[in-house]
Amino acid sequence: MAMLRVDLRHLSGEPIVTTGSLAPDDVAFDGLAFAFTGPVDVDGTLRETADGDFYWRGHVLAKVQGECRRCLEPVEQVIDDDIEAVFSNNPDLLDDPSVYALPEHPTVVDVAAALREEIALRVSAFPLCRPDCKGLCPECGADLNIEACGCEDVVTDVRWAGLASLRTASEGKD
């Protein structure tokens, strides 16, 4: 693992640089619902605050593979963002989602857990291949971005079928 696990004994008033590349299959990313297409590059610094907490500010660059929510074509999302996190054992701070819990007397700060969560929050659950994606035809499954299909644009919702029969019957009485 890259230098994302900091031994606090080395933090002597000066910030510690946390930099490196994590492999796409690094154990820090186990269980995520998406896959990385390359290494996850991280660059940041960890420093102690006046209150005895630890503040990490860094930058992450990663590429995530997914599929378009409309046409199911492969989509690559780029995560290129700054991340800030506070590591603390102060119970008053732990309600804040950007604060990560530390044990009573911490000896290390592992930035990987915060990195994992922050990346997961930045990955779109519903990516699109492009903003104007037309998707797939619900009748024949044709990719409407490539060609129009011969299906009618009639959308029939079975929940309204009873009302449709009433309309047909009333039209016949006229």
Protein backbone atom coordinates (compact mmCIF):
# COMPACT_ATOMS: atom_id res chain seq x y z
CA MET A 1 0.00 0.00 0.00
CA ALA A 2 1.19 3.50 -0.70
CA MET A 3 2.23 5.67 2.22
CA LEU A 4 -1.30 6.15 3.49
CA ARG A 5 -0.76 4.63 6.91
CA VAL A 6 1.10 7.17 9.03
CA ASP A 7 2.90 6.30 12.24
CA LEU A 8 2.07 9.23 14.51
CA ARG A 9 5.45 8.98 16.25
CA HIS A 10 6.93 10.45 13.05
CA LEU A 11 4.61 13.45 13.20
CA SER A 12 6.77 15.90 15.13
CA GLY A 13 5.07 19.21 14.43
CA GLU A 14 5.73 18.99 10.70
CA PRO A 15 3.20 17.65 8.20
CA ILE A 16 3.78 14.16 6.80
CA VAL A 17 3.48 13.72 3.04
CA THR A 18 1.18 10.88 2.00
CA THR A 19 1.69 10.04 -1.63
CA GLY A 20 1.57 7.01 -3.85
CA SER A 21 -0.44 4.80 -6.16
CA LEU A 22 -2.77 2.09 -5.02
CA ALA A 23 -3.43 -0.86 -7.30
CA PRO A 24 -7.00 -1.19 -8.59
CA ASP A 25 -7.37 -4.44 -6.65
CA ASP A 26 -5.91 -3.08 -3.38
CA VAL A 27 -7.62 -4.50 -0.29
CA ALA A 28 -8.62 -0.95 0.69
CA PHE A 29 -11.16 -1.09 -2.15
CA ASP A 30 -12.62 -4.54 -1.42
CA GLY A 31 -16.40 -4.62 -1.50
CA LEU A 32 -16.94 -1.51 -3.59
CA ALA A 33 -19.66 -1.78 -6.23
CA PHE A 34 -17.38 -0.51 -9.00
CA ALA A 35 -13.98 -1.34 -10.46
CA PHE A 36 -10.99 0.88 -11.11
CA THR A 37 -9.45 0.80 -14.58
CA GLY A 38 -6.00 1.79 -13.36
CA PRO A 39 -4.07 2.81 -10.29
CA VAL A 40 -5.52 5.25 -7.77
CA ASP A 41 -3.03 8.11 -7.39
CA VAL A 42 -3.01 9.93 -4.06
CA ASP A 43 -1.04 12.95 -2.93
CA GLY A 44 -1.62 14.73 0.35
CA THR A 45 -0.36 15.82 3.76
CA LEU A 46 -1.32 14.86 7.29
CA ARG A 47 -0.81 17.32 10.13
CA GLU A 48 -1.79 17.52 13.76
CA THR A 49 -4.22 20.26 14.77
CA ALA A 50 -4.01 22.40 17.91
CA ASP A 51 -6.80 20.26 19.43
CA GLY A 52 -4.86 17.02 19.01
CA ASP A 53 -6.86 15.87 16.00
CA PHE A 54 -5.30 15.04 12.64
CA TYR A 55 -6.17 16.85 9.42
CA TRP A 56 -5.50 15.28 6.04
CA ARG A 57 -5.78 17.21 2.82
CA GLY A 58 -5.01 15.52 -0.44
CA HIS A 59 -5.80 14.99 -4.07
CA VAL A 60 -6.97 11.77 -5.71
CA LEU A 61 -6.94 10.76 -9.35
CA ALA A 62 -8.71 7.55 -10.32
CA LYS A 63 -10.66 6.07 -13.22
CA VAL A 64 -13.73 3.95 -12.56
CA GLN A 65 -15.40 1.57 -15.02
CA GLY A 66 -19.19 1.44 -15.20
CA GLU A 67 -22.01 1.29 -17.68
CA CYS A 68 -24.37 3.93 -18.98
CA ARG A 69 -27.65 3.81 -17.12
CA ARG A 70 -29.63 4.30 -20.34
CA CYS A 71 -27.87 2.32 -23.09
CA LEU A 72 -25.60 0.01 -21.04
CA GLU A 73 -22.47 0.98 -23.00
CA PRO A 74 -19.19 1.04 -21.02
CA VAL A 75 -18.46 4.36 -19.33
CA GLU A 76 -15.26 5.49 -17.66
CA GLN A 77 -15.65 8.06 -14.88
CA VAL A 78 -12.65 10.13 -13.87
CA ILE A 79 -12.35 11.07 -10.21
CA ASP A 80 -9.97 14.03 -10.04
CA ASP A 81 -10.73 15.82 -6.80
CA ASP A 82 -9.41 17.33 -3.60
CA ILE A 83 -10.29 15.52 -0.38
CA GLU A 84 -10.20 16.73 3.19
CA ALA A 85 -10.67 14.57 6.27
CA VAL A 86 -10.27 14.95 10.01
CA PHE A 87 -9.24 12.02 12.19
CA SER A 88 -10.27 12.37 15.82
CA ASN A 89 -11.18 10.51 18.98
CA ASN A 90 -13.25 13.45 20.24
CA PRO A 91 -16.86 12.15 20.56
CA ASP A 92 -18.24 15.66 19.98
CA LEU A 93 -16.77 15.71 16.47
CA LEU A 94 -17.75 12.21 15.36
CA ASP A 95 -21.23 13.23 14.17
CA ASP A 96 -19.61 15.14 11.30
CA PRO A 97 -19.35 12.88 8.20
CA SER A 98 -15.93 14.30 7.31
CA VAL A 99 -14.51 13.16 10.67
CA TYR A 100 -13.12 9.65 10.94
CA ALA A 101 -12.89 7.95 14.32
CA LEU A 102 -9.60 7.15 16.00
CA PRO A 103 -9.05 4.98 19.08
CA GLU A 104 -8.44 6.57 22.51
CA HIS A 105 -4.63 6.65 22.15
CA PRO A 106 -3.91 6.41 18.43
CA THR A 107 -0.52 5.34 17.17
CA VAL A 108 -1.32 5.38 13.45
CA VAL A 109 -3.68 7.17 11.10
CA ASP A 110 -4.77 5.13 8.10
CA VAL A 111 -5.90 7.51 5.37
CA ALA A 112 -6.98 4.59 3.12
CA ALA A 113 -10.38 4.15 4.84
CA ALA A 114 -11.23 7.83 4.37
CA LEU A 115 -9.94 7.71 0.80
CA ARG A 116 -12.13 4.69 0.03
CA GLU A 117 -15.25 6.39 1.39
CA GLU A 118 -14.56 9.72 -0.29
CA ILE A 119 -14.01 8.06 -3.67
CA ALA A 120 -17.21 6.02 -3.27
CA LEU A 121 -19.13 9.24 -2.58
CA ARG A 122 -17.76 10.83 -5.76
CA VAL A 123 -18.57 7.97 -8.14
CA SER A 124 -21.90 8.47 -9.89
CA ALA A 125 -24.31 5.62 -9.26
CA PHE A 126 -26.04 6.45 -12.55
CA PRO A 127 -23.40 7.43 -15.12
CA LEU A 128 -24.30 8.39 -18.66
CA CYS A 129 -22.18 7.82 -21.76
CA ARG A 130 -23.20 11.35 -22.79
CA PRO A 131 -25.84 13.81 -21.54
CA ASP A 132 -28.14 13.28 -24.54
CA CYS A 133 -28.05 9.47 -24.48
CA LYS A 134 -31.30 8.12 -25.94
CA GLY A 135 -31.00 4.72 -24.28
CA LEU A 136 -32.47 1.43 -25.42
CA CYS A 137 -35.89 0.81 -26.95
CA PRO A 138 -38.03 -0.77 -24.22
CA GLU A 139 -39.75 -2.99 -26.83
CA CYS A 140 -36.96 -4.39 -29.02
CA GLY A 141 -33.81 -3.36 -27.12
CA ALA A 142 -32.24 -1.44 -30.02
CA ASP A 143 -29.65 1.18 -29.09
CA LEU A 144 -31.44 4.40 -30.02
CA ASN A 145 -28.13 6.28 -30.18
CA ILE A 146 -27.16 4.21 -33.21
CA GLU A 147 -30.46 3.95 -35.07
CA ALA A 148 -34.17 4.44 -34.65
CA CYS A 149 -36.17 1.25 -34.41
CA GLY A 150 -39.56 0.47 -35.97
CA CYS A 151 -41.38 0.20 -32.65
CA GLU A 152 -44.27 2.55 -31.94
CA ASP A 153 -43.82 5.21 -29.29
CA VAL A 154 -46.97 4.05 -27.50
CA VAL A 155 -46.31 3.66 -23.81
CA THR A 156 -48.83 1.34 -22.26
CA ASP A 157 -48.99 1.05 -18.52
CA VAL A 158 -51.00 -2.01 -17.51
CA ARG A 159 -52.27 -0.13 -14.46
CA TRP A 160 -54.31 2.13 -16.80
CA ALA A 161 -55.67 -0.67 -19.00
CA GLY A 162 -59.09 -0.62 -17.29
CA LEU A 163 -59.50 3.09 -18.00
CA ALA A 164 -58.38 2.63 -21.61
CA SER A 165 -61.19 0.12 -22.16
CA LEU A 166 -63.71 2.65 -20.76
CA ARG A 167 -62.45 5.28 -23.16
CA THR A 168 -62.77 2.86 -26.08
CA ALA A 169 -66.32 1.98 -25.02
CA SER A 170 -67.37 5.65 -24.68
CA GLU A 171 -65.89 6.50 -28.08
CA GLY A 172 -68.04 3.78 -29.63
CA LYS A 173 -71.27 5.36 -28.23
CA ASP A 174 -70.74 8.69 -29.99
